[in-house]
Amino acid sequence: MNETEKREKARFRNFDSPFSPDKFSAFLKDPGIDIGFSGGSRGGANYKPAFGFTGVDLNYPGYDGLHLPFKTESLKTVHASHVLEHIYDWEVVIGEWFRVLEVGGHLIINVPHQCLYEKQFKLPSEWNKDHKRFYMPSVLLSEIEMSLDPNTYRLIYCRDNDWDFNYELGPDDHSEGCYEIECVIQKIKPPTWELKNE
């Protein structure tokens, strides 16, 4: 069982929420893509995309790591787990992930939590030198807000996922259990009016 499968299996254990597994499945509709499913591998590893979606990684035809080779509003789900922290141009990437979603579709983003995974204030990451920045829920939400036009999406939820996290391990030890932030947004049809600029 790979790390994505473990997280998906653990997603709702001991989690008191209206988002039970049967309700979460409402966010997972085909056609969907799982971006970065092989952990950045360019091939050779035996990774499987989550949820049976099409896997998109660096070796996917027409994908340059930023721009997706899919038509605008052609997908119902975009899943990107532990990808965003590796990309400098987060605004371009979030906009691109959102572009390919149809109205009513869901964007699911998971990133490592600064306090649970990194366990430090400043870069570089002790555990992954390729991390470009650290995430708290407020940072992820801020990036989403800066990347997308107002009233084009609704925040379904953003939460810490610390299921089975070992809080006894300090900053000098790699974390065990889940140590991420999970965010789901839904693309909506924007209203005919715009926000006032006064």
N, C-alpha and C. Protein backbone atom coordinates (compact mmCIF):
# COMPACT_ATOMS: atom_id res chain seq x y z
N MET A 1 0.85 -1.18 0.00
CA MET A 1 0.00 0.00 0.00
C MET A 1 0.90 1.24 0.00
N ASN A 2 0.73 2.13 -1.01
CA ASN A 2 1.56 3.33 -1.07
C ASN A 2 1.02 4.41 -0.13
N GLU A 3 1.75 5.53 -0.04
CA GLU A 3 1.38 6.59 0.91
C GLU A 3 0.01 7.19 0.60
N THR A 4 -0.29 7.38 -0.69
CA THR A 4 -1.60 7.93 -1.06
C THR A 4 -2.71 7.00 -0.61
N GLU A 5 -2.55 5.69 -0.85
CA GLU A 5 -3.57 4.73 -0.44
C GLU A 5 -3.75 4.73 1.08
N LYS A 6 -2.65 4.85 1.83
CA LYS A 6 -2.74 4.89 3.29
C LYS A 6 -3.53 6.12 3.74
N ARG A 7 -3.22 7.28 3.12
CA ARG A 7 -3.94 8.50 3.50
C ARG A 7 -5.42 8.39 3.17
N GLU A 8 -5.72 7.81 2.01
CA GLU A 8 -7.13 7.70 1.62
C GLU A 8 -7.87 6.75 2.56
N LYS A 9 -7.22 5.68 2.97
CA LYS A 9 -7.85 4.73 3.89
C LYS A 9 -8.07 5.36 5.26
N ALA A 10 -7.14 6.21 5.67
CA ALA A 10 -7.20 6.82 7.00
C ALA A 10 -8.01 8.11 7.04
N ARG A 11 -8.42 8.60 5.90
CA ARG A 11 -8.99 9.94 5.79
C ARG A 11 -10.06 10.27 6.82
N PHE A 12 -10.94 9.34 7.13
CA PHE A 12 -12.08 9.69 7.97
C PHE A 12 -12.12 8.96 9.30
N ARG A 13 -11.10 8.21 9.62
CA ARG A 13 -11.08 7.56 10.93
C ARG A 13 -10.95 8.63 12.01
N ASN A 14 -11.72 8.49 13.04
CA ASN A 14 -11.68 9.41 14.17
C ASN A 14 -11.85 10.86 13.75
N PHE A 15 -12.58 11.09 12.69
CA PHE A 15 -12.79 12.45 12.18
C PHE A 15 -14.28 12.76 12.24
N ASP A 16 -14.67 13.54 13.21
CA ASP A 16 -16.08 13.89 13.40
C ASP A 16 -16.43 15.01 12.43
N SER A 17 -17.10 14.67 11.35
CA SER A 17 -17.36 15.64 10.31
C SER A 17 -18.57 15.24 9.49
N PRO A 18 -19.21 16.23 8.87
CA PRO A 18 -20.28 15.88 7.93
C PRO A 18 -19.73 15.25 6.67
N PHE A 19 -18.40 15.27 6.49
CA PHE A 19 -17.80 14.73 5.28
C PHE A 19 -17.39 13.28 5.49
N SER A 20 -18.37 12.42 5.66
CA SER A 20 -18.12 11.00 5.82
C SER A 20 -17.67 10.43 4.48
N PRO A 21 -17.11 9.20 4.47
CA PRO A 21 -16.61 8.64 3.22
C PRO A 21 -17.64 8.64 2.09
N ASP A 22 -18.90 8.37 2.42
CA ASP A 22 -19.90 8.35 1.35
C ASP A 22 -20.14 9.75 0.81
N LYS A 23 -20.03 10.77 1.68
CA LYS A 23 -20.17 12.15 1.20
C LYS A 23 -18.92 12.60 0.46
N PHE A 24 -17.73 12.17 0.91
CA PHE A 24 -16.49 12.54 0.23
C PHE A 24 -16.48 12.00 -1.19
N SER A 25 -17.07 10.83 -1.39
CA SER A 25 -17.08 10.25 -2.74
C SER A 25 -17.82 11.16 -3.73
N ALA A 26 -18.66 12.06 -3.22
CA ALA A 26 -19.34 13.02 -4.10
C ALA A 26 -18.36 13.98 -4.76
N PHE A 27 -17.17 14.14 -4.15
CA PHE A 27 -16.14 15.01 -4.73
C PHE A 27 -15.33 14.30 -5.80
N LEU A 28 -15.48 13.00 -5.92
CA LEU A 28 -14.63 12.17 -6.78
C LEU A 28 -15.41 11.65 -7.97
N LYS A 29 -15.47 12.43 -8.99
CA LYS A 29 -16.23 12.06 -10.19
C LYS A 29 -15.30 11.96 -11.39
N ASP A 30 -15.60 11.00 -12.24
CA ASP A 30 -14.89 10.88 -13.51
C ASP A 30 -15.52 11.79 -14.54
N PRO A 31 -14.76 12.32 -15.46
CA PRO A 31 -13.32 12.12 -15.58
C PRO A 31 -12.55 12.96 -14.56
N GLY A 32 -11.49 12.35 -14.04
CA GLY A 32 -10.64 13.03 -13.07
C GLY A 32 -9.19 12.72 -13.30
N ILE A 33 -8.32 13.58 -12.78
CA ILE A 33 -6.88 13.35 -12.88
C ILE A 33 -6.25 13.42 -11.50
N ASP A 34 -5.17 12.67 -11.34
CA ASP A 34 -4.36 12.67 -10.12
C ASP A 34 -2.99 13.20 -10.51
N ILE A 35 -2.72 14.45 -10.16
CA ILE A 35 -1.47 15.11 -10.56
C ILE A 35 -0.37 14.75 -9.57
N GLY A 36 0.80 14.37 -10.11
CA GLY A 36 1.94 14.05 -9.27
C GLY A 36 1.83 12.72 -8.56
N PHE A 37 1.05 11.82 -9.11
CA PHE A 37 0.75 10.55 -8.43
C PHE A 37 1.98 9.69 -8.17
N SER A 38 3.03 9.85 -8.97
CA SER A 38 4.20 8.98 -8.79
C SER A 38 5.31 9.66 -7.99
N GLY A 39 4.98 10.74 -7.32
CA GLY A 39 5.97 11.39 -6.47
C GLY A 39 7.09 12.04 -7.25
N GLY A 40 6.81 12.48 -8.48
CA GLY A 40 7.82 13.13 -9.30
C GLY A 40 8.64 12.17 -10.13
N SER A 41 8.33 10.89 -10.04
CA SER A 41 9.07 9.90 -10.82
C SER A 41 8.81 10.10 -12.31
N ARG A 42 9.84 9.95 -13.10
CA ARG A 42 9.69 10.07 -14.56
C ARG A 42 9.45 8.70 -15.20
N GLY A 43 9.23 7.71 -14.40
CA GLY A 43 8.94 6.39 -14.96
C GLY A 43 9.70 5.31 -14.22
N GLY A 44 9.28 4.09 -14.40
CA GLY A 44 9.97 2.97 -13.80
C GLY A 44 9.36 2.51 -12.49
N ALA A 45 8.81 3.42 -11.72
CA ALA A 45 8.21 3.03 -10.44
C ALA A 45 6.79 2.52 -10.67
N ASN A 46 6.34 1.67 -9.78
CA ASN A 46 5.02 1.07 -9.91
C ASN A 46 4.00 1.82 -9.06
N TYR A 47 3.68 3.04 -9.47
CA TYR A 47 2.71 3.86 -8.76
C TYR A 47 1.37 3.81 -9.48
N LYS A 48 0.30 3.91 -8.70
CA LYS A 48 -1.04 3.94 -9.29
C LYS A 48 -1.72 5.24 -8.90
N PRO A 49 -2.41 5.88 -9.84
CA PRO A 49 -3.14 7.10 -9.50
C PRO A 49 -4.25 6.81 -8.49
N ALA A 50 -4.53 7.78 -7.64
CA ALA A 50 -5.60 7.64 -6.65
C ALA A 50 -6.96 7.64 -7.32
N PHE A 51 -7.89 6.95 -6.72
CA PHE A 51 -9.31 6.94 -7.10
C PHE A 51 -9.57 6.40 -8.50
N GLY A 52 -8.58 5.72 -9.09
CA GLY A 52 -8.76 5.20 -10.45
C GLY A 52 -8.73 6.28 -11.51
N PHE A 53 -8.26 7.48 -11.15
CA PHE A 53 -8.19 8.58 -12.11
C PHE A 53 -7.02 8.39 -13.07
N THR A 54 -6.97 9.23 -14.09
CA THR A 54 -5.82 9.29 -14.99
C THR A 54 -4.66 9.93 -14.24
N GLY A 55 -3.51 9.28 -14.24
CA GLY A 55 -2.34 9.82 -13.57
C GLY A 55 -1.58 10.79 -14.46
N VAL A 56 -1.27 11.95 -13.92
CA VAL A 56 -0.51 12.96 -14.67
C VAL A 56 0.74 13.28 -13.87
N ASP A 57 1.89 12.99 -14.48
CA ASP A 57 3.16 13.32 -13.86
C ASP A 57 4.09 13.89 -14.92
N LEU A 58 5.34 14.10 -14.57
CA LEU A 58 6.27 14.80 -15.47
C LEU A 58 6.44 14.13 -16.82
N ASN A 59 6.18 12.85 -16.91
CA ASN A 59 6.33 12.14 -18.19
C ASN A 59 5.03 12.07 -18.98
N TYR A 60 3.96 12.72 -18.51
CA TYR A 60 2.68 12.67 -19.22
C TYR A 60 2.77 13.51 -20.50
N PRO A 61 2.32 12.97 -21.64
CA PRO A 61 2.44 13.69 -22.91
C PRO A 61 1.78 15.08 -22.86
N GLY A 62 2.56 16.09 -23.23
CA GLY A 62 2.05 17.46 -23.30
C GLY A 62 2.06 18.21 -21.98
N TYR A 63 2.51 17.57 -20.91
CA TYR A 63 2.53 18.22 -19.59
C TYR A 63 3.93 18.72 -19.30
N ASP A 64 4.05 20.01 -18.96
CA ASP A 64 5.36 20.60 -18.69
C ASP A 64 5.59 20.88 -17.21
N GLY A 65 4.73 20.34 -16.36
CA GLY A 65 4.85 20.58 -14.93
C GLY A 65 4.05 21.78 -14.46
N LEU A 66 3.57 22.58 -15.40
CA LEU A 66 2.74 23.75 -15.08
C LEU A 66 1.41 23.70 -15.80
N HIS A 67 1.47 23.53 -17.12
CA HIS A 67 0.27 23.62 -17.96
C HIS A 67 -0.25 22.22 -18.29
N LEU A 68 -1.54 22.04 -18.08
CA LEU A 68 -2.16 20.73 -18.32
C LEU A 68 -2.63 20.59 -19.76
N PRO A 69 -2.40 19.42 -20.35
CA PRO A 69 -2.83 19.18 -21.74
C PRO A 69 -4.28 18.70 -21.83
N PHE A 70 -5.17 19.43 -21.16
CA PHE A 70 -6.59 19.09 -21.16
C PHE A 70 -7.38 20.33 -21.54
N LYS A 71 -8.51 20.12 -22.17
CA LYS A 71 -9.36 21.23 -22.57
C LYS A 71 -9.96 21.93 -21.35
N THR A 72 -10.26 23.19 -21.53
CA THR A 72 -10.91 23.98 -20.48
C THR A 72 -12.26 23.35 -20.12
N GLU A 73 -12.50 23.25 -18.82
CA GLU A 73 -13.74 22.71 -18.27
C GLU A 73 -14.07 21.32 -18.81
N SER A 74 -13.04 20.46 -18.86
CA SER A 74 -13.24 19.10 -19.39
C SER A 74 -13.21 18.01 -18.31
N LEU A 75 -12.91 18.37 -17.05
CA LEU A 75 -12.77 17.38 -15.99
C LEU A 75 -13.71 17.68 -14.82
N LYS A 76 -14.08 16.63 -14.11
CA LYS A 76 -14.93 16.80 -12.93
C LYS A 76 -14.13 16.83 -11.63
N THR A 77 -12.93 16.25 -11.64
CA THR A 77 -12.11 16.23 -10.43
C THR A 77 -10.64 16.41 -10.80
N VAL A 78 -9.96 17.27 -10.04
CA VAL A 78 -8.51 17.39 -10.11
C VAL A 78 -7.99 17.14 -8.70
N HIS A 79 -7.14 16.14 -8.56
CA HIS A 79 -6.56 15.76 -7.27
C HIS A 79 -5.06 15.99 -7.35
N ALA A 80 -4.52 16.78 -6.42
CA ALA A 80 -3.08 17.07 -6.39
C ALA A 80 -2.61 16.92 -4.95
N SER A 81 -1.96 15.81 -4.67
CA SER A 81 -1.52 15.50 -3.32
C SER A 81 0.00 15.62 -3.22
N HIS A 82 0.44 16.52 -2.36
CA HIS A 82 1.87 16.74 -2.11
C HIS A 82 2.61 17.09 -3.40
N VAL A 83 2.04 18.04 -4.12
CA VAL A 83 2.60 18.54 -5.38
C VAL A 83 2.92 20.02 -5.28
N LEU A 84 1.99 20.80 -4.76
CA LEU A 84 2.07 22.26 -4.81
C LEU A 84 3.33 22.80 -4.14
N GLU A 85 3.78 22.16 -3.08
CA GLU A 85 4.95 22.64 -2.36
C GLU A 85 6.24 22.49 -3.16
N HIS A 86 6.19 21.76 -4.27
CA HIS A 86 7.36 21.56 -5.13
C HIS A 86 7.42 22.55 -6.30
N ILE A 87 6.43 23.42 -6.43
CA ILE A 87 6.30 24.26 -7.62
C ILE A 87 6.44 25.73 -7.24
N TYR A 88 7.39 26.44 -7.92
CA TYR A 88 7.57 27.87 -7.67
C TYR A 88 6.35 28.67 -8.10
N ASP A 89 5.85 28.39 -9.29
CA ASP A 89 4.77 29.18 -9.89
C ASP A 89 3.40 28.67 -9.44
N TRP A 90 3.15 28.75 -8.14
CA TRP A 90 1.90 28.22 -7.58
C TRP A 90 0.67 28.90 -8.16
N GLU A 91 0.76 30.19 -8.47
CA GLU A 91 -0.41 30.90 -8.99
C GLU A 91 -0.81 30.37 -10.36
N VAL A 92 0.19 30.11 -11.20
CA VAL A 92 -0.08 29.54 -12.53
C VAL A 92 -0.69 28.15 -12.39
N VAL A 93 -0.11 27.34 -11.52
CA VAL A 93 -0.54 25.95 -11.37
C VAL A 93 -1.96 25.85 -10.81
N ILE A 94 -2.26 26.60 -9.77
CA ILE A 94 -3.61 26.55 -9.21
C ILE A 94 -4.62 27.02 -10.26
N GLY A 95 -4.27 28.07 -10.99
CA GLY A 95 -5.15 28.55 -12.06
C GLY A 95 -5.36 27.51 -13.14
N GLU A 96 -4.32 26.77 -13.46
CA GLU A 96 -4.40 25.72 -14.48
C GLU A 96 -5.24 24.55 -14.00
N TRP A 97 -5.04 24.14 -12.76
CA TRP A 97 -5.86 23.05 -12.20
C TRP A 97 -7.33 23.44 -12.23
N PHE A 98 -7.60 24.70 -11.91
CA PHE A 98 -8.97 25.19 -11.88
C PHE A 98 -9.54 25.33 -13.29
N ARG A 99 -8.72 25.73 -14.23
CA ARG A 99 -9.17 25.93 -15.62
C ARG A 99 -9.80 24.68 -16.20
N VAL A 100 -9.20 23.53 -15.94
CA VAL A 100 -9.67 22.29 -16.58
C VAL A 100 -10.91 21.71 -15.90
N LEU A 101 -11.30 22.27 -14.75
CA LEU A 101 -12.50 21.80 -14.04
C LEU A 101 -13.76 22.36 -14.68
N GLU A 102 -14.75 21.51 -14.83
CA GLU A 102 -16.05 22.00 -15.26
C GLU A 102 -16.77 22.62 -14.07
N VAL A 103 -17.76 23.45 -14.34
CA VAL A 103 -18.56 24.03 -13.26
C VAL A 103 -19.21 22.89 -12.48
N GLY A 104 -19.09 22.94 -11.17
CA GLY A 104 -19.57 21.86 -10.30
C GLY A 104 -18.48 20.87 -9.94
N GLY A 105 -17.34 20.93 -10.64
CA GLY A 105 -16.23 20.02 -10.37
C GLY A 105 -15.45 20.43 -9.12
N HIS A 106 -14.62 19.50 -8.63
CA HIS A 106 -13.88 19.71 -7.38
C HIS A 106 -12.38 19.64 -7.58
N LEU A 107 -11.68 20.56 -6.92
CA LEU A 107 -10.23 20.56 -6.84
C LEU A 107 -9.87 20.15 -5.42
N ILE A 108 -9.09 19.07 -5.30
CA ILE A 108 -8.67 18.54 -4.01
C ILE A 108 -7.16 18.71 -3.92
N ILE A 109 -6.71 19.48 -2.93
CA ILE A 109 -5.29 19.76 -2.75
C ILE A 109 -4.86 19.28 -1.38
N ASN A 110 -3.76 18.53 -1.33
CA ASN A 110 -3.12 18.14 -0.08
C ASN A 110 -1.68 18.65 -0.11
N VAL A 111 -1.26 19.26 1.00
CA VAL A 111 0.12 19.72 1.14
C VAL A 111 0.61 19.34 2.53
N PRO A 112 1.93 19.14 2.70
CA PRO A 112 2.44 18.83 4.04
C PRO A 112 2.25 20.03 4.98
N HIS A 113 1.90 19.74 6.20
CA HIS A 113 1.65 20.77 7.22
C HIS A 113 2.98 21.21 7.83
N GLN A 114 3.19 22.52 7.90
CA GLN A 114 4.43 23.04 8.45
C GLN A 114 4.70 22.54 9.88
N CYS A 115 3.66 22.52 10.70
CA CYS A 115 3.86 22.13 12.10
C CYS A 115 3.93 20.62 12.31
N LEU A 116 3.36 19.87 11.39
CA LEU A 116 3.32 18.41 11.55
C LEU A 116 4.41 17.70 10.76
N TYR A 117 4.72 18.20 9.56
CA TYR A 117 5.74 17.54 8.74
C TYR A 117 7.09 18.23 8.86
N GLU A 118 7.13 19.52 8.57
CA GLU A 118 8.41 20.23 8.58
C GLU A 118 8.93 20.42 10.00
N LYS A 119 8.04 20.78 10.91
CA LYS A 119 8.37 21.01 12.33
C LYS A 119 9.49 22.04 12.49
N GLN A 120 9.44 23.08 11.65
CA GLN A 120 10.40 24.18 11.74
C GLN A 120 9.80 25.42 11.09
N PHE A 121 10.43 26.58 11.36
CA PHE A 121 9.90 27.85 10.86
C PHE A 121 10.39 28.21 9.46
N LYS A 122 11.64 27.88 9.13
CA LYS A 122 12.24 28.40 7.90
C LYS A 122 12.76 27.29 7.00
N LEU A 123 12.77 27.61 5.69
CA LEU A 123 13.40 26.73 4.70
C LEU A 123 14.90 26.70 4.95
N PRO A 124 15.60 25.66 4.49
CA PRO A 124 15.11 24.53 3.69
C PRO A 124 14.48 23.46 4.57
N SER A 125 13.67 22.64 3.92
CA SER A 125 13.05 21.52 4.61
C SER A 125 14.11 20.51 5.01
N GLU A 126 13.99 20.02 6.20
CA GLU A 126 14.90 18.96 6.67
C GLU A 126 14.62 17.64 5.95
N TRP A 127 13.36 17.46 5.53
CA TRP A 127 12.92 16.15 5.04
C TRP A 127 12.75 16.08 3.54
N ASN A 128 12.66 17.22 2.86
CA ASN A 128 12.56 17.22 1.40
C ASN A 128 13.12 18.54 0.89
N LYS A 129 14.34 18.49 0.40
CA LYS A 129 15.05 19.70 -0.05
C LYS A 129 14.37 20.37 -1.23
N ASP A 130 13.44 19.68 -1.90
CA ASP A 130 12.75 20.25 -3.05
C ASP A 130 11.55 21.11 -2.66
N HIS A 131 11.19 21.15 -1.39
CA HIS A 131 10.05 21.97 -0.98
C HIS A 131 10.40 23.45 -1.16
N LYS A 132 9.54 24.16 -1.87
CA LYS A 132 9.78 25.57 -2.17
C LYS A 132 9.26 26.50 -1.08
N ARG A 133 8.29 26.03 -0.30
CA ARG A 133 7.72 26.81 0.79
C ARG A 133 7.00 25.86 1.75
N PHE A 134 6.70 26.40 2.93
CA PHE A 134 5.98 25.65 3.96
C PHE A 134 4.53 26.10 3.98
N TYR A 135 3.65 25.20 4.45
CA TYR A 135 2.22 25.48 4.45
C TYR A 135 1.59 25.36 5.83
N MET A 136 0.80 26.37 6.13
CA MET A 136 -0.21 26.34 7.17
C MET A 136 -1.54 26.48 6.42
N PRO A 137 -2.68 26.14 7.03
CA PRO A 137 -3.94 26.29 6.30
C PRO A 137 -4.15 27.70 5.74
N SER A 138 -3.76 28.71 6.49
CA SER A 138 -3.94 30.09 6.03
C SER A 138 -3.11 30.39 4.79
N VAL A 139 -1.93 29.81 4.69
CA VAL A 139 -1.08 30.02 3.51
C VAL A 139 -1.71 29.39 2.28
N LEU A 140 -2.18 28.16 2.42
CA LEU A 140 -2.82 27.49 1.29
C LEU A 140 -4.06 28.26 0.84
N LEU A 141 -4.89 28.67 1.78
CA LEU A 141 -6.10 29.41 1.42
C LEU A 141 -5.75 30.75 0.77
N SER A 142 -4.70 31.39 1.25
CA SER A 142 -4.27 32.66 0.66
C SER A 142 -3.82 32.46 -0.78
N GLU A 143 -3.07 31.40 -1.05
CA GLU A 143 -2.64 31.13 -2.43
C GLU A 143 -3.83 30.86 -3.34
N ILE A 144 -4.81 30.14 -2.84
CA ILE A 144 -6.02 29.88 -3.64
C ILE A 144 -6.73 31.20 -3.94
N GLU A 145 -6.88 32.04 -2.92
CA GLU A 145 -7.57 33.32 -3.10
C GLU A 145 -6.84 34.22 -4.09
N MET A 146 -5.50 34.21 -4.06
CA MET A 146 -4.73 35.04 -4.98
C MET A 146 -4.72 34.49 -6.40
N SER A 147 -4.97 33.20 -6.55
CA SER A 147 -4.90 32.56 -7.86
C SER A 147 -6.22 32.59 -8.63
N LEU A 148 -7.33 32.65 -7.91
CA LEU A 148 -8.64 32.50 -8.54
C LEU A 148 -9.49 33.75 -8.35
N ASP A 149 -10.32 34.03 -9.32
CA ASP A 149 -11.22 35.18 -9.23
C ASP A 149 -12.28 34.94 -8.16
N PRO A 150 -12.69 36.01 -7.45
CA PRO A 150 -13.75 35.87 -6.45
C PRO A 150 -15.03 35.34 -7.08
N ASN A 151 -15.77 34.61 -6.31
CA ASN A 151 -17.08 34.08 -6.71
C ASN A 151 -17.01 33.17 -7.94
N THR A 152 -15.87 32.50 -8.13
CA THR A 152 -15.78 31.46 -9.15
C THR A 152 -15.66 30.09 -8.50
N TYR A 153 -15.53 30.08 -7.17
CA TYR A 153 -15.39 28.82 -6.44
C TYR A 153 -15.98 28.97 -5.06
N ARG A 154 -16.26 27.84 -4.45
CA ARG A 154 -16.69 27.79 -3.06
C ARG A 154 -15.73 26.87 -2.31
N LEU A 155 -15.32 27.29 -1.13
CA LEU A 155 -14.51 26.45 -0.27
C LEU A 155 -15.42 25.43 0.40
N ILE A 156 -15.20 24.15 0.12
CA ILE A 156 -15.97 23.09 0.77
C ILE A 156 -15.40 22.85 2.17
N TYR A 157 -14.09 22.65 2.25
CA TYR A 157 -13.43 22.60 3.55
C TYR A 157 -11.93 22.67 3.38
N CYS A 158 -11.27 23.05 4.47
CA CYS A 158 -9.82 23.02 4.57
C CYS A 158 -9.52 22.61 6.00
N ARG A 159 -8.75 21.55 6.17
CA ARG A 159 -8.54 21.02 7.52
C ARG A 159 -7.16 20.38 7.66
N ASP A 160 -6.73 20.27 8.91
CA ASP A 160 -5.54 19.49 9.24
C ASP A 160 -5.92 18.02 9.22
N ASN A 161 -5.09 17.20 8.59
CA ASN A 161 -5.26 15.76 8.66
C ASN A 161 -4.09 15.20 9.46
N ASP A 162 -4.34 14.93 10.74
CA ASP A 162 -3.30 14.40 11.62
C ASP A 162 -3.67 13.01 12.14
N TRP A 163 -4.43 12.27 11.32
CA TRP A 163 -4.83 10.94 11.76
C TRP A 163 -3.60 10.08 12.03
N ASP A 164 -3.56 9.48 13.20
CA ASP A 164 -2.49 8.57 13.62
C ASP A 164 -1.13 9.26 13.67
N PHE A 165 -1.13 10.59 13.78
CA PHE A 165 0.13 11.33 13.86
C PHE A 165 0.78 11.09 15.21
N ASN A 166 2.08 10.87 15.21
CA ASN A 166 2.82 10.63 16.45
C ASN A 166 3.38 11.97 16.95
N TYR A 167 2.68 12.57 17.90
CA TYR A 167 3.09 13.86 18.45
C TYR A 167 4.30 13.75 19.38
N GLU A 168 4.74 12.54 19.69
CA GLU A 168 5.90 12.35 20.55
C GLU A 168 7.22 12.56 19.80
N LEU A 169 7.19 12.44 18.47
CA LEU A 169 8.41 12.61 17.69
C LEU A 169 8.69 14.09 17.49
N GLY A 170 9.88 14.52 17.89
CA GLY A 170 10.24 15.93 17.80
C GLY A 170 10.77 16.33 16.43
N PRO A 171 11.28 17.56 16.32
CA PRO A 171 11.74 18.09 15.03
C PRO A 171 12.90 17.33 14.40
N ASP A 172 13.65 16.58 15.19
CA ASP A 172 14.79 15.84 14.64
C ASP A 172 14.40 14.47 14.10
N ASP A 173 13.13 14.10 14.24
CA ASP A 173 12.65 12.80 13.76
C ASP A 173 11.61 13.00 12.68
N HIS A 174 11.67 12.16 11.64
CA HIS A 174 10.67 12.23 10.58
C HIS A 174 9.30 11.85 11.15
N SER A 175 8.29 12.56 10.71
CA SER A 175 6.94 12.34 11.22
C SER A 175 6.39 10.98 10.82
N GLU A 176 5.48 10.49 11.64
CA GLU A 176 4.75 9.25 11.36
C GLU A 176 3.26 9.55 11.42
N GLY A 177 2.50 8.86 10.60
CA GLY A 177 1.06 9.10 10.51
C GLY A 177 0.77 10.15 9.45
N CYS A 178 -0.42 10.70 9.47
CA CYS A 178 -0.79 11.74 8.50
C CYS A 178 -0.32 13.10 9.01
N TYR A 179 0.19 13.91 8.11
CA TYR A 179 0.78 15.21 8.50
C TYR A 179 0.54 16.24 7.41
N GLU A 180 -0.73 16.38 7.04
CA GLU A 180 -1.01 17.23 5.88
C GLU A 180 -2.19 18.16 6.12
N ILE A 181 -2.33 19.09 5.20
CA ILE A 181 -3.50 19.95 5.10
C ILE A 181 -4.28 19.47 3.90
N GLU A 182 -5.57 19.34 4.06
CA GLU A 182 -6.44 18.87 2.98
C GLU A 182 -7.47 19.95 2.69
N CYS A 183 -7.61 20.28 1.42
CA CYS A 183 -8.51 21.35 1.01
C CYS A 183 -9.32 20.91 -0.21
N VAL A 184 -10.62 21.18 -0.18
CA VAL A 184 -11.50 20.88 -1.31
C VAL A 184 -12.25 22.16 -1.68
N ILE A 185 -12.16 22.54 -2.96
CA ILE A 185 -12.96 23.65 -3.45
C ILE A 185 -13.79 23.17 -4.63
N GLN A 186 -14.90 23.85 -4.84
CA GLN A 186 -15.79 23.51 -5.95
C GLN A 186 -15.89 24.70 -6.90
N LYS A 187 -15.77 24.43 -8.19
CA LYS A 187 -15.92 25.48 -9.19
C LYS A 187 -17.41 25.79 -9.36
N ILE A 188 -17.75 27.07 -9.34
CA ILE A 188 -19.14 27.48 -9.50
C ILE A 188 -19.26 28.43 -10.69
N LYS A 189 -20.46 28.57 -11.17
CA LYS A 189 -20.73 29.56 -12.21
C LYS A 189 -20.72 30.93 -11.55
N PRO A 190 -19.88 31.84 -12.03
CA PRO A 190 -19.82 33.15 -11.38
C PRO A 190 -21.10 33.94 -11.60
N PRO A 191 -21.45 34.81 -10.66
CA PRO A 191 -22.64 35.64 -10.85
C PRO A 191 -22.40 36.66 -11.96
N THR A 192 -23.45 37.30 -12.39
CA THR A 192 -23.34 38.30 -13.46
C THR A 192 -22.77 39.61 -12.95
N TRP A 193 -22.75 39.81 -11.64
CA TRP A 193 -22.21 41.04 -11.05
C TRP A 193 -20.78 40.81 -10.55
N GLU A 194 -20.05 41.91 -10.32
CA GLU A 194 -18.70 41.85 -9.80
C GLU A 194 -18.63 42.59 -8.47
N LEU A 195 -17.60 42.30 -7.70
CA LEU A 195 -17.41 42.99 -6.42
C LEU A 195 -17.15 44.47 -6.66
N LYS A 196 -17.64 45.31 -5.76
CA LYS A 196 -17.39 46.75 -5.86
C LYS A 196 -15.92 47.03 -5.60
N ASN A 197 -15.41 48.04 -6.25
CA ASN A 197 -14.02 48.44 -6.06
C ASN A 197 -13.98 49.82 -5.42
N GLU A 198 -14.85 50.05 -4.43
CA GLU A 198 -14.93 51.36 -3.77
C GLU A 198 -14.67 51.22 -2.29
